[in-house]
C-alpha atoms as a PDB file:
ATOM      1  CA  UNK A   1      90.037 119.928 137.808  1.00  0.00           C
ATOM      2  CA  UNK A   2      86.418 120.384 137.357  1.00  0.00           C
ATOM      3  CA  UNK A   3      87.410 123.205 134.934  1.00  0.00           C
ATOM      4  CA  UNK A   4      90.276 121.162 133.321  1.00  0.00           C
ATOM      5  CA  UNK A   5      87.397 117.895 132.717  1.00  0.00           C
ATOM      6  CA  UNK A   6      85.098 120.807 131.142  1.00  0.00           C
ATOM      7  CA  UNK A   7      87.569 122.290 128.694  1.00  0.00           C
ATOM      8  CA  UNK A   8      88.691 118.700 127.586  1.00  0.00           C
ATOM      9  CA  UNK A   9      84.896 117.190 127.014  1.00  0.00           C
ATOM     10  CA  UNK A  10      84.259 120.451 125.011  1.00  0.00           C
ATOM     11  CA  UNK A  11      87.407 119.884 122.840  1.00  0.00           C
ATOM     12  CA  UNK A  12      86.551 116.443 122.386  1.00  0.00           C
ATOM     13  CA  UNK A  13      82.827 117.617 121.498  1.00  0.00           C
ATOM     14  CA  UNK A  14      84.148 120.215 118.751  1.00  0.00           C
ATOM     15  CA  UNK A  15      86.671 117.881 117.328  1.00  0.00           C
ATOM     16  CA  UNK A  16      84.022 115.137 116.672  1.00  0.00           C
ATOM     17  CA  UNK A  17      81.484 117.789 115.342  1.00  0.00           C
ATOM     18  CA  UNK A  18      83.982 118.953 112.692  1.00  0.00           C
ATOM     19  CA  UNK A  19      86.235 117.735 110.175  1.00  0.00           C
ATOM     20  CA  UNK A  20      89.646 118.837 108.710  1.00  0.00           C
ATOM     21  CA  UNK A  21      88.903 119.411 105.252  1.00  0.00           C
ATOM     22  CA  UNK A  22      91.549 119.029 102.455  1.00  0.00           C
ATOM     23  CA  UNK A  23      92.201 122.235 100.461  1.00  0.00           C
ATOM     24  CA  UNK A  24      92.093 121.488  96.453  1.00  0.00           C
ATOM     25  CA  UNK A  25      93.177 124.078  94.312  1.00  0.00           C
ATOM     26  CA  UNK A  26      91.661 124.023  90.582  1.00  0.00           C
ATOM     27  CA  UNK A  27      90.834 126.467  88.123  1.00  0.00           C
ATOM     28  CA  UNK A  28      88.234 128.875  87.678  1.00  0.00           C
ATOM     29  CA  UNK A  29      85.668 130.321  85.301  1.00  0.00           C
ATOM     30  CA  UNK A  30      85.096 133.838  85.054  1.00  0.00           C
ATOM     31  CA  UNK A  31      81.842 134.832  86.702  1.00  0.00           C
ATOM     32  CA  UNK A  32      81.523 131.624  88.437  1.00  0.00           C
ATOM     33  CA  UNK A  33      82.651 129.991  91.722  1.00  0.00           C
ATOM     34  CA  UNK A  34      84.199 126.325  91.121  1.00  0.00           C
ATOM     35  CA  UNK A  35      82.344 123.973  93.020  1.00  0.00           C
ATOM     36  CA  UNK A  36      83.734 120.290  93.756  1.00  0.00           C
ATOM     37  CA  UNK A  37      80.903 117.833  94.018  1.00  0.00           C
ATOM     38  CA  UNK A  38      80.169 114.040  94.156  1.00  0.00           C
ATOM     39  CA  UNK A  39      76.455 113.108  92.961  1.00  0.00           C
ATOM     40  CA  UNK A  40      76.276 109.424  93.514  1.00  0.00           C
ATOM     41  CA  UNK A  41      77.355 107.662  96.600  1.00  0.00           C
ATOM     42  CA  UNK A  42      75.626 105.104  99.071  1.00  0.00           C
ATOM     43  CA  UNK A  43      75.130 104.348 102.794  1.00  0.00           C
ATOM     44  CA  UNK A  44      73.925 101.414 104.622  1.00  0.00           C
ATOM     45  CA  UNK A  45      70.691 102.447 104.032  1.00  0.00           C
ATOM     46  CA  UNK A  46      70.870 100.900 100.588  1.00  0.00           C
ATOM     47  CA  UNK A  47      73.963  98.742  99.600  1.00  0.00           C
ATOM     48  CA  UNK A  48      76.905 101.169 101.133  1.00  0.00           C
ATOM     49  CA  UNK A  49      79.066 100.122 103.994  1.00  0.00           C
ATOM     50  CA  UNK A  50      78.989 103.177 106.312  1.00  0.00           C
ATOM     51  CA  UNK A  51      77.090 105.528 108.311  1.00  0.00           C
ATOM     52  CA  UNK A  52      75.246 108.601 106.757  1.00  0.00           C
ATOM     53  CA  UNK A  53      77.430 111.292 108.853  1.00  0.00           C
ATOM     54  CA  UNK A  54      80.797 109.288 107.647  1.00  0.00           C
ATOM     55  CA  UNK A  55      79.747 109.823 104.121  1.00  0.00           C
ATOM     56  CA  UNK A  56      79.900 113.961 105.128  1.00  0.00           C
ATOM     57  CA  UNK A  57      83.163 113.623 107.106  1.00  0.00           C
ATOM     58  CA  UNK A  58      84.638 111.853 104.113  1.00  0.00           C
ATOM     59  CA  UNK A  59      83.639 114.224 101.781  1.00  0.00           C
ATOM     60  CA  UNK A  60      84.719 117.269 103.892  1.00  0.00           C
ATOM     61  CA  UNK A  61      88.340 115.626 104.210  1.00  0.00           C
ATOM     62  CA  UNK A  62      88.498 115.041 100.416  1.00  0.00           C
ATOM     63  CA  UNK A  63      87.799 118.624  99.826  1.00  0.00           C
ATOM     64  CA  UNK A  64      84.363 118.651  98.127  1.00  0.00           C
ATOM     65  CA  UNK A  65      81.884 121.368  98.312  1.00  0.00           C
ATOM     66  CA  UNK A  66      78.417 119.323  97.758  1.00  0.00           C
ATOM     67  CA  UNK A  67      77.673 115.778  97.864  1.00  0.00           C
ATOM     68  CA  UNK A  68      74.621 113.607  97.066  1.00  0.00           C
ATOM     69  CA  UNK A  69      73.665 110.714  99.118  1.00  0.00           C
ATOM     70  CA  UNK A  70      71.888 108.535  96.481  1.00  0.00           C
ATOM     71  CA  UNK A  71      70.177 105.510  98.109  1.00  0.00           C
ATOM     72  CA  UNK A  72      68.624 103.186  96.208  1.00  0.00           C
ATOM     73  CA  UNK A  73      64.785 103.540  96.122  1.00  0.00           C
ATOM     74  CA  UNK A  74      64.187  99.590  95.157  1.00  0.00           C
ATOM     75  CA  UNK A  75      66.914  97.762  96.861  1.00  0.00           C
ATOM     76  CA  UNK A  76      67.671  97.588 100.781  1.00  0.00           C
ATOM     77  CA  UNK A  77      70.154  94.470 101.541  1.00  0.00           C
ATOM     78  CA  UNK A  78      70.463  95.712 105.108  1.00  0.00           C
ATOM     79  CA  UNK A  79      66.654  96.061 106.034  1.00  0.00           C
ATOM     80  CA  UNK A  80      67.031  93.484 108.454  1.00  0.00           C
ATOM     81  CA  UNK A  81      69.166  95.862 110.753  1.00  0.00           C
ATOM     82  CA  UNK A  82      68.222  99.557 109.562  1.00  0.00           C
ATOM     83  CA  UNK A  83      64.832 100.643 108.434  1.00  0.00           C
ATOM     84  CA  UNK A  84      63.981 101.411 104.888  1.00  0.00           C
ATOM     85  CA  UNK A  85      62.739 105.037 105.227  1.00  0.00           C
ATOM     86  CA  UNK A  86      64.239 106.743 101.904  1.00  0.00           C
ATOM     87  CA  UNK A  87      64.694 109.845 103.648  1.00  0.00           C
ATOM     88  CA  UNK A  88      66.627 108.497 106.774  1.00  0.00           C
ATOM     89  CA  UNK A  89      70.350 109.002 105.281  1.00  0.00           C
ATOM     90  CA  UNK A  90      69.447 112.433 104.317  1.00  0.00           C
ATOM     91  CA  UNK A  91      68.035 113.250 108.001  1.00  0.00           C
ATOM     92  CA  UNK A  92      71.090 111.528 110.122  1.00  0.00           C
ATOM     93  CA  UNK A  93      73.750 113.585 107.732  1.00  0.00           C
ATOM     94  CA  UNK A  94      72.129 117.008 107.117  1.00  0.00           C
ATOM     95  CA  UNK A  95      72.985 118.236 110.540  1.00  0.00           C
ATOM     96  CA  UNK A  96      76.562 117.039 110.115  1.00  0.00           C
ATOM     97  CA  UNK A  97      76.737 118.952 106.809  1.00  0.00           C
ATOM     98  CA  UNK A  98      75.514 122.191 107.893  1.00  0.00           C
ATOM     99  CA  UNK A  99      78.060 122.454 110.750  1.00  0.00           C
ATOM    100  CA  UNK A 100      80.789 121.912 108.133  1.00  0.00           C
ATOM    101  CA  UNK A 101      79.655 124.118 105.614  1.00  0.00           C
ATOM    102  CA  UNK A 102      78.896 121.123 103.127  1.00  0.00           C
ATOM    103  CA  UNK A 103      76.051 121.113 100.758  1.00  0.00           C
ATOM    104  CA  UNK A 104      74.294 118.261 101.391  1.00  0.00           C
ATOM    105  CA  UNK A 105      71.719 117.082  98.259  1.00  0.00           C
ATOM    106  CA  UNK A 106      68.704 115.403  99.292  1.00  0.00           C
ATOM    107  CA  UNK A 107      68.376 112.650  96.303  1.00  0.00           C
ATOM    108  CA  UNK A 108      68.034 108.864  95.568  1.00  0.00           C
ATOM    109  CA  UNK A 109      69.058 106.143  92.790  1.00  0.00           C
ATOM    110  CA  UNK A 110      66.040 104.627  90.945  1.00  0.00           C
ATOM    111  CA  UNK A 111      67.589 100.931  90.265  1.00  0.00           C
ATOM    112  CA  UNK A 112      66.062  99.213  87.153  1.00  0.00           C
ATOM    113  CA  UNK A 113      67.176  96.496  84.688  1.00  0.00           C
ATOM    114  CA  UNK A 114      68.320  97.724  81.135  1.00  0.00           C
ATOM    115  CA  UNK A 115      66.269  99.524  79.824  1.00  0.00           C
ATOM    116  CA  UNK A 116      66.459 102.332  81.349  1.00  0.00           C
ATOM    117  CA  UNK A 117      68.848 100.993  84.094  1.00  0.00           C
ATOM    118  CA  UNK A 118      69.685 103.461  86.726  1.00  0.00           C
ATOM    119  CA  UNK A 119      69.067 106.949  87.088  1.00  0.00           C
ATOM    120  CA  UNK A 120      69.760 109.795  89.938  1.00  0.00           C
ATOM    121  CA  UNK A 121      67.693 111.810  91.060  1.00  0.00           C
ATOM    122  CA  UNK A 122      69.207 115.133  92.654  1.00  0.00           C
ATOM    123  CA  UNK A 123      67.454 117.833  94.164  1.00  0.00           C
ATOM    124  CA  UNK A 124      64.205 115.815  95.978  1.00  0.00           C
ATOM    125  CA  UNK A 125      62.020 118.020  98.264  1.00  0.00           C
ATOM    126  CA  UNK A 126      62.461 116.519 101.885  1.00  0.00           C
ATOM    127  CA  UNK A 127      60.412 113.290 102.905  1.00  0.00           C
ATOM    128  CA  UNK A 128      59.242 112.624  99.620  1.00  0.00           C
ATOM    129  CA  UNK A 129      57.548 109.092  98.697  1.00  0.00           C
ATOM    130  CA  UNK A 130      56.869 107.653  95.829  1.00  0.00           C
ATOM    131  CA  UNK A 131      53.461 105.848  95.983  1.00  0.00           C
ATOM    132  CA  UNK A 132      53.111 104.836  92.518  1.00  0.00           C
ATOM    133  CA  UNK A 133      56.866 102.829  91.804  1.00  0.00           C
ATOM    134  CA  UNK A 134      56.228 102.602  87.910  1.00  0.00           C
ATOM    135  CA  UNK A 135      59.545 103.964  86.458  1.00  0.00           C
ATOM    136  CA  UNK A 136      57.858 106.495  84.250  1.00  0.00           C
ATOM    137  CA  UNK A 137      55.280 107.645  87.438  1.00  0.00           C
ATOM    138  CA  UNK A 138      58.401 108.006  89.665  1.00  0.00           C
ATOM    139  CA  UNK A 139      60.389 110.180  87.201  1.00  0.00           C
ATOM    140  CA  UNK A 140      57.389 112.027  86.396  1.00  0.00           C
ATOM    141  CA  UNK A 141      56.601 112.961  89.984  1.00  0.00           C
ATOM    142  CA  UNK A 142      60.605 113.794  90.931  1.00  0.00           C
ATOM    143  CA  UNK A 143      60.814 116.370  87.596  1.00  0.00           C
ATOM    144  CA  UNK A 144      57.513 117.654  88.680  1.00  0.00           C
ATOM    145  CA  UNK A 145      59.078 118.362  92.053  1.00  0.00           C
ATOM    146  CA  UNK A 146      62.232 119.754  90.230  1.00  0.00           C
ATOM    147  CA  UNK A 147      64.670 117.161  90.345  1.00  0.00           C
ATOM    148  CA  UNK A 148      67.543 116.909  88.298  1.00  0.00           C
ATOM    149  CA  UNK A 149      67.849 113.447  86.493  1.00  0.00           C
ATOM    150  CA  UNK A 150      70.742 111.567  85.708  1.00  0.00           C
ATOM    151  CA  UNK A 151      71.704 108.714  84.083  1.00  0.00           C
ATOM    152  CA  UNK A 152      74.391 106.602  86.092  1.00  0.00           C
ATOM    153  CA  UNK A 153      77.061 104.440  84.409  1.00  0.00           C
ATOM    154  CA  UNK A 154      75.198 103.729  80.853  1.00  0.00           C
ATOM    155  CA  UNK A 155      77.745 101.102  79.947  1.00  0.00           C
ATOM    156  CA  UNK A 156      77.665  99.014  83.381  1.00  0.00           C
ATOM    157  CA  UNK A 157      78.824  95.832  82.412  1.00  0.00           C
ATOM    158  CA  UNK A 158      76.181  94.504  84.701  1.00  0.00           C
ATOM    159  CA  UNK A 159      73.582  95.698  82.266  1.00  0.00           C
ATOM    160  CA  UNK A 160      75.469  96.270  79.316  1.00  0.00           C
ATOM    161  CA  UNK A 161      77.466  92.786  79.098  1.00  0.00           C
ATOM    162  CA  UNK A 162      80.021  94.128  76.197  1.00  0.00           C
ATOM    163  CA  UNK A 163      80.631  97.077  78.610  1.00  0.00           C
ATOM    164  CA  UNK A 164      79.521  99.839  75.226  1.00  0.00           C
ATOM    165  CA  UNK A 165      77.311 102.370  76.127  1.00  0.00           C
ATOM    166  CA  UNK A 166      73.881 102.696  74.382  1.00  0.00           C
ATOM    167  CA  UNK A 167      71.534 105.267  73.688  1.00  0.00           C
ATOM    168  CA  UNK A 168      67.872 103.272  74.142  1.00  0.00           C
ATOM    169  CA  UNK A 169      64.686 104.409  72.818  1.00  0.00           C
ATOM    170  CA  UNK A 170      63.373 105.367  76.701  1.00  0.00           C
ATOM    171  CA  UNK A 171      66.570 107.759  77.008  1.00  0.00           C
ATOM    172  CA  UNK A 172      65.866 109.313  73.908  1.00  0.00           C
ATOM    173  CA  UNK A 173      62.035 109.906  74.814  1.00  0.00           C
ATOM    174  CA  UNK A 174      63.237 111.388  78.146  1.00  0.00           C
ATOM    175  CA  UNK A 175      65.470 113.544  76.594  1.00  0.00           C
ATOM    176  CA  UNK A 176      63.030 115.002  74.243  1.00  0.00           C
ATOM    177  CA  UNK A 177      60.203 115.564  76.808  1.00  0.00           C
ATOM    178  CA  UNK A 178      62.996 117.191  79.111  1.00  0.00           C
ATOM    179  CA  UNK A 179      63.346 114.658  81.588  1.00  0.00           C
ATOM    180  CA  UNK A 180      66.815 113.552  81.640  1.00  0.00           C
ATOM    181  CA  UNK A 181      69.574 116.273  82.342  1.00  0.00           C
ATOM    182  CA  UNK A 182      72.923 114.855  82.675  1.00  0.00           C
ATOM    183  CA  UNK A 183      74.854 111.358  82.304  1.00  0.00           C
ATOM    184  CA  UNK A 184      77.881 110.084  83.929  1.00  0.00           C
ATOM    185  CA  UNK A 185      80.798 109.645  81.518  1.00  0.00           C
ATOM    186  CA  UNK A 186      82.675 108.293  84.291  1.00  0.00           C
ATOM    187  CA  UNK A 187      81.879 106.017  87.330  1.00  0.00           C
ATOM    188  CA  UNK A 188      83.729 103.912  89.743  1.00  0.00           C
ATOM    189  CA  UNK A 189      86.964 103.673  87.875  1.00  0.00           C
ATOM    190  CA  UNK A 190      85.386 103.872  84.207  1.00  0.00           C
ATOM    191  CA  UNK A 191      85.020 105.806  81.309  1.00  0.00           C
ATOM    192  CA  UNK A 192      82.699 105.521  78.996  1.00  0.00           C
ATOM    193  CA  UNK A 193      83.159 106.498  75.343  1.00  0.00           C
ATOM    194  CA  UNK A 194      80.855 108.004  73.213  1.00  0.00           C
ATOM    195  CA  UNK A 195      78.470 109.373  76.251  1.00  0.00           C
ATOM    196  CA  UNK A 196      80.389 112.962  75.843  1.00  0.00           C
ATOM    197  CA  UNK A 197      79.110 113.113  72.570  1.00  0.00           C
ATOM    198  CA  UNK A 198      75.756 112.452  73.640  1.00  0.00           C
ATOM    199  CA  UNK A 199      75.864 114.977  76.029  1.00  0.00           C
ATOM    200  CA  UNK A 200      77.059 117.709  73.871  1.00  0.00           C
ATOM    201  CA  UNK A 201      74.317 116.657  70.826  1.00  0.00           C
ATOM    202  CA  UNK A 202      71.276 116.938  73.242  1.00  0.00           C
ATOM    203  CA  UNK A 203      72.767 119.877  75.626  1.00  0.00           C
ATOM    204  CA  UNK A 204      73.029 117.669  78.628  1.00  0.00           C
ATOM    205  CA  UNK A 205      75.486 117.919  81.480  1.00  0.00           C
ATOM    206  CA  UNK A 206      78.291 116.002  81.647  1.00  0.00           C
ATOM    207  CA  UNK A 207      78.759 114.039  84.901  1.00  0.00           C
ATOM    208  CA  UNK A 208      81.851 112.146  86.666  1.00  0.00           C
ATOM    209  CA  UNK A 209      81.205 110.713  90.095  1.00  0.00           C
ATOM    210  CA  UNK A 210      82.334 107.873  92.591  1.00  0.00           C
ATOM    211  CA  UNK A 211      79.561 105.640  92.970  1.00  0.00           C
ATOM    212  CA  UNK A 212      81.251 104.893  96.615  1.00  0.00           C
ATOM    213  CA  UNK A 213      80.059 102.105  98.490  1.00  0.00           C
ATOM    214  CA  UNK A 214      83.030 101.522 100.722  1.00  0.00           C
ATOM    215  CA  UNK A 215      85.503 104.597 101.894  1.00  0.00           C
ATOM    216  CA  UNK A 216      87.037 107.133  99.477  1.00  0.00           C
ATOM    217  CA  UNK A 217      90.491 106.173 101.298  1.00  0.00           C
ATOM    218  CA  UNK A 218      90.461 102.497 100.180  1.00  0.00           C
ATOM    219  CA  UNK A 219      89.463 103.607  96.380  1.00  0.00           C
ATOM    220  CA  UNK A 220      92.291 106.043  96.010  1.00  0.00           C
ATOM    221  CA  UNK A 221      94.615 103.417  97.447  1.00  0.00           C
ATOM    222  CA  UNK A 222      94.052 100.614  95.141  1.00  0.00           C
ATOM    223  CA  UNK A 223      93.926 103.303  92.038  1.00  0.00           C
ATOM    224  CA  UNK A 224      96.892 105.334  92.863  1.00  0.00           C
ATOM    225  CA  UNK A 225      95.023 108.282  92.519  1.00  0.00           C
ATOM    226  CA  UNK A 226      95.608 111.546  94.667  1.00  0.00           C
ATOM    227  CA  UNK A 227      91.929 112.405  94.509  1.00  0.00           C
ATOM    228  CA  UNK A 228      88.529 111.039  94.484  1.00  0.00           C
ATOM    229  CA  UNK A 229      86.276 111.372  91.143  1.00  0.00           C
ATOM    230  CA  UNK A 230      84.429 114.564  90.994  1.00  0.00           C
ATOM    231  CA  UNK A 231      82.124 116.511  88.783  1.00  0.00           C
ATOM    232  CA  UNK A 232      83.412 120.382  88.878  1.00  0.00           C
ATOM    233  CA  UNK A 233      80.101 122.727  88.770  1.00  0.00           C
ATOM    234  CA  UNK A 234      80.486 126.400  87.566  1.00  0.00           C
ATOM    235  CA  UNK A 235      77.788 128.531  89.900  1.00  0.00           C
ATOM    236  CA  UNK A 236      77.019 131.803  90.527  1.00  0.00           C
ATOM    237  CA  UNK A 237      77.503 131.491  94.264  1.00  0.00           C
ATOM    238  CA  UNK A 238      78.384 128.758  96.909  1.00  0.00           C
ATOM    239  CA  UNK A 239      74.342 127.677  97.295  1.00  0.00           C
ATOM    240  CA  UNK A 240      72.149 124.532  96.935  1.00  0.00           C
ATOM    241  CA  UNK A 241      69.923 126.844  94.815  1.00  0.00           C
ATOM    242  CA  UNK A 242      72.896 128.203  92.573  1.00  0.00           C
ATOM    243  CA  UNK A 243      74.453 124.657  92.060  1.00  0.00           C
ATOM    244  CA  UNK A 244      71.262 123.293  91.113  1.00  0.00           C
ATOM    245  CA  UNK A 245      70.920 126.328  88.495  1.00  0.00           C
ATOM    246  CA  UNK A 246      74.095 125.556  86.969  1.00  0.00           C
ATOM    247  CA  UNK A 247      73.513 121.686  86.625  1.00  0.00           C
ATOM    248  CA  UNK A 248      70.430 122.439  84.408  1.00  0.00           C
ATOM    249  CA  UNK A 249      72.664 124.950  82.686  1.00  0.00           C
ATOM    250  CA  UNK A 250      75.062 122.274  82.022  1.00  0.00           C
ATOM    251  CA  UNK A 251      78.193 124.044  83.179  1.00  0.00           C
ATOM    252  CA  UNK A 252      80.302 120.875  84.275  1.00  0.00           C
ATOM    253  CA  UNK A 253      83.541 119.409  84.036  1.00  0.00           C
ATOM    254  CA  UNK A 254      84.862 116.106  85.345  1.00  0.00           C
ATOM    255  CA  UNK A 255      88.056 115.180  87.144  1.00  0.00           C
ATOM    256  CA  UNK A 256      89.125 111.871  87.471  1.00  0.00           C
ATOM    257  CA  UNK A 257      92.499 110.848  87.451  1.00  0.00           C
ATOM    258  CA  UNK A 258      94.854 112.893  86.235  1.00  0.00           C
ATOM    259  CA  UNK A 259      91.926 113.442  83.166  1.00  0.00           C
ATOM    260  CA  UNK A 260      89.844 116.710  82.751  1.00  0.00           C
ATOM    261  CA  UNK A 261      86.950 116.222  80.740  1.00  0.00           C
ATOM    262  CA  UNK A 262      84.035 118.602  79.512  1.00  0.00           C
ATOM    263  CA  UNK A 263      82.768 120.777  76.857  1.00  0.00           C
ATOM    264  CA  UNK A 264      85.002 123.075  75.195  1.00  0.00           C
ATOM    265  CA  UNK A 265      83.169 126.247  76.336  1.00  0.00           C
ATOM    266  CA  UNK A 266      84.136 125.258  79.825  1.00  0.00           C
ATOM    267  CA  UNK A 267      87.297 123.822  79.324  1.00  0.00           C
ATOM    268  CA  UNK A 268      89.134 126.136  77.626  1.00  0.00           C
ATOM    269  CA  UNK A 269      88.905 129.026  80.098  1.00  0.00           C
ATOM    270  CA  UNK A 270      89.154 126.806  83.124  1.00  0.00           C
ATOM    271  CA  UNK A 271      92.445 125.616  81.626  1.00  0.00           C
ATOM    272  CA  UNK A 272      93.380 128.737  80.725  1.00  0.00           C
ATOM    273  CA  UNK A 273      92.902 130.115  84.537  1.00  0.00           C
ATOM    274  CA  UNK A 274      95.389 127.212  85.699  1.00  0.00           C
ATOM    275  CA  UNK A 275      98.438 127.918  83.111  1.00  0.00           C
ATOM    276  CA  UNK A 276     100.346 131.330  83.613  1.00  0.00           C
ATOM    277  CA  UNK A 277     102.898 132.591  81.234  1.00  0.00           C
ATOM    278  CA  UNK A 278     105.253 135.246  82.612  1.00  0.00           C
ATOM    279  CA  UNK A 279     108.445 136.852  81.532  1.00  0.00           C
ATOM    280  CA  UNK A 280     110.473 136.952  79.545  1.00  0.00           C
ATOM    281  CA  UNK A 281     112.339 136.506  82.978  1.00  0.00           C
ATOM    282  CA  UNK A 282     115.697 136.119  81.433  1.00  0.00           C
ATOM    283  CA  UNK A 283     117.080 136.806  77.904  1.00  0.00           C
ATOM    284  CA  UNK A 284     120.471 136.039  76.012  1.00  0.00           C
ATOM    285  CA  UNK A 285     121.522 136.702  72.499  1.00  0.00           C
ATOM    286  CA  UNK A 286     119.505 134.301  70.923  1.00  0.00           C
ATOM    287  CA  UNK A 287     116.591 132.897  73.171  1.00  0.00           C
ATOM    288  CA  UNK A 288     113.773 134.726  75.696  1.00  0.00           C
ATOM    289  CA  UNK A 289     113.237 132.768  78.705  1.00  0.00           C
ATOM    290  CA  UNK A 290     109.589 132.345  80.166  1.00  0.00           C
ATOM    291  CA  UNK A 291     107.877 130.963  83.292  1.00  0.00           C
ATOM    292  CA  UNK A 292     105.135 128.381  82.454  1.00  0.00           C
ATOM    293  CA  UNK A 293     103.599 127.977  85.655  1.00  0.00           C
ATOM    294  CA  UNK A 294     100.679 125.614  86.694  1.00  0.00           C
ATOM    295  CA  UNK A 295      98.456 127.238  89.865  1.00  0.00           C
ATOM    296  CA  UNK A 296      96.208 124.540  90.387  1.00  0.00           C
ATOM    297  CA  UNK A 297      96.371 120.533  91.586  1.00  0.00           C
ATOM    298  CA  UNK A 298      95.032 119.575  88.075  1.00  0.00           C
ATOM    299  CA  UNK A 299      98.273 118.301  86.197  1.00  0.00           C
ATOM    300  CA  UNK A 300      98.325 119.260  82.466  1.00  0.00           C
ATOM    301  CA  UNK A 301     100.480 117.806  79.737  1.00  0.00           C
ATOM    302  CA  UNK A 302     100.753 120.323  76.585  1.00  0.00           C
ATOM    303  CA  UNK A 303     101.961 118.297  73.605  1.00  0.00           C
ATOM    304  CA  UNK A 304     102.051 118.828  69.655  1.00  0.00           C
ATOM    305  CA  UNK A 305     103.603 122.131  70.026  1.00  0.00           C
ATOM    306  CA  UNK A 306     103.028 124.233  66.745  1.00  0.00           C
ATOM    307  CA  UNK A 307     105.931 126.628  67.289  1.00  0.00           C
ATOM    308  CA  UNK A 308     109.367 125.333  65.852  1.00  0.00           C
ATOM    309  CA  UNK A 309     111.082 127.911  67.809  1.00  0.00           C
ATOM    310  CA  UNK A 310     109.771 126.684  71.153  1.00  0.00           C
ATOM    311  CA  UNK A 311     109.512 123.137  73.020  1.00  0.00           C
ATOM    312  CA  UNK A 312     107.590 120.665  71.532  1.00  0.00           C
ATOM    313  CA  UNK A 313     105.947 119.881  74.845  1.00  0.00           C
ATOM    314  CA  UNK A 314     105.808 120.775  78.440  1.00  0.00           C
ATOM    315  CA  UNK A 315     104.862 118.708  81.337  1.00  0.00           C
ATOM    316  CA  UNK A 316     102.935 120.674  84.409  1.00  0.00           C
ATOM    317  CA  UNK A 317     102.080 118.546  87.382  1.00  0.00           C
ATOM    318  CA  UNK A 318     100.112 120.077  89.688  1.00  0.00           C
ATOM    319  CA  UNK A 319     101.588 123.277  91.193  1.00  0.00           C
ATOM    320  CA  UNK A 320     104.646 123.497  89.485  1.00  0.00           C
ATOM    321  CA  UNK A 321     106.399 125.531  86.946  1.00  0.00           C
ATOM    322  CA  UNK A 322     108.733 125.355  83.923  1.00  0.00           C
ATOM    323  CA  UNK A 323     111.110 127.982  82.193  1.00  0.00           C
ATOM    324  CA  UNK A 324     110.897 127.215  78.410  1.00  0.00           C
ATOM    325  CA  UNK A 325     113.131 129.129  75.856  1.00  0.00           C
ATOM    326  CA  UNK A 326     111.735 130.497  72.719  1.00  0.00           C
ATOM    327  CA  UNK A 327     113.891 131.989  69.932  1.00  0.00           C
ATOM    328  CA  UNK A 328     114.138 135.839  70.255  1.00  0.00           C
ATOM    329  CA  UNK A 329     113.455 136.183  66.610  1.00  0.00           C
ATOM    330  CA  UNK A 330     110.890 133.322  65.980  1.00  0.00           C
ATOM    331  CA  UNK A 331     107.093 133.163  66.815  1.00  0.00           C
ATOM    332  CA  UNK A 332     106.500 134.117  70.131  1.00  0.00           C
ATOM    333  CA  UNK A 333     102.822 132.257  70.457  1.00  0.00           C
ATOM    334  CA  UNK A 334     102.790 128.682  72.429  1.00  0.00           C
ATOM    335  CA  UNK A 335      99.582 126.486  71.216  1.00  0.00           C
ATOM    336  CA  UNK A 336      99.654 123.197  72.161  1.00  0.00           C
ATOM    337  CA  UNK A 337      97.068 119.946  72.293  1.00  0.00           C
ATOM    338  CA  UNK A 338      96.522 119.446  76.154  1.00  0.00           C
ATOM    339  CA  UNK A 339      97.010 115.550  76.181  1.00  0.00           C
ATOM    340  CA  UNK A 340      94.968 114.709  79.739  1.00  0.00           C
ATOM    341  CA  UNK A 341      91.895 117.305  78.878  1.00  0.00           C
ATOM    342  CA  UNK A 342      89.057 115.597  76.775  1.00  0.00           C
ATOM    343  CA  UNK A 343      86.370 117.674  74.886  1.00  0.00           C
ATOM    344  CA  UNK A 344      85.170 114.679  73.254  1.00  0.00           C
ATOM    345  CA  UNK A 345      86.056 111.138  73.384  1.00  0.00           C
ATOM    346  CA  UNK A 346      89.117 111.433  70.653  1.00  0.00           C
ATOM    347  CA  UNK A 347      89.344 115.352  71.117  1.00  0.00           C
ATOM    348  CA  UNK A 348      91.690 117.135  73.212  1.00  0.00           C
ATOM    349  CA  UNK A 349      91.701 120.504  74.074  1.00  0.00           C
ATOM    350  CA  UNK A 350      94.173 123.346  71.905  1.00  0.00           C
ATOM    351  CA  UNK A 351      94.998 126.090  74.097  1.00  0.00           C
ATOM    352  CA  UNK A 352      97.423 129.314  73.434  1.00  0.00           C
ATOM    353  CA  UNK A 353      99.638 130.460  76.033  1.00  0.00           C
END
């Protein structure tokens, strides 16, 4: 009887220590690992609604490889009930993250009116304290410690009433001095037009995150999305060090809803790795039949086909295939616009199968 009780308690302990993760199948860029990341989330240690270890469990269940808990440095509405120590959330969550093989990034959100707005400081050293809290002093100290600086929700209507993202002088100064490294093109259900072009022109990382305060489950239910928004990062290894290096190099794509967005140099090899053409699997007197397969969970919608001897469009939801026919005496190349892959605010990826 005592042995039975012992094993029951052991099972309960193990079950509470580890979470069951969702397997998300994405593409890859040759030579790199694809890391699924959310670099913007909050807990009760600022204005979030959940405990730090819950953020870890949720991230594992959502199939992520890395998260950053980015509680506000200047805003602590729950301080009557929890300490305002800026290191507490990370300290609470790091053990659970390690047990679940999740990369947990030490981070914080600088919270100012526009300009400059809100910026996340990623990869902070443990127990960093900002004694001089003027904006540039905080940025300089963080960058001096090797932090990656991300400009959050640049068109947030609470700071830009018309919802239009604008590059201001302070942001240009930060970019010029190497103190701004990435910008969110997508945040909490909103895509910001024009911001991709800023990132491309200034060689910045293209970022997209949840900015989650409640639970990702309730967000998915309200949006109807099958997954949480995330930044896909192409790193040499699945480590924090290589993740950081990849961000500074701008090796990212953003996946939100059914949309993939990012620089063409990363989008093209990534999408190519997801779509496979095999065959012909069958032939008749007039046509050859080919199998076009999507081996990822990301849907792809191929439109504006340039080959008059093949279908003008192909819809490929995640993990599906289609058999298409091409005239045997016609052009055998399949060339399409991928309507849900943005390489600019109005640009769509062109791909040849």
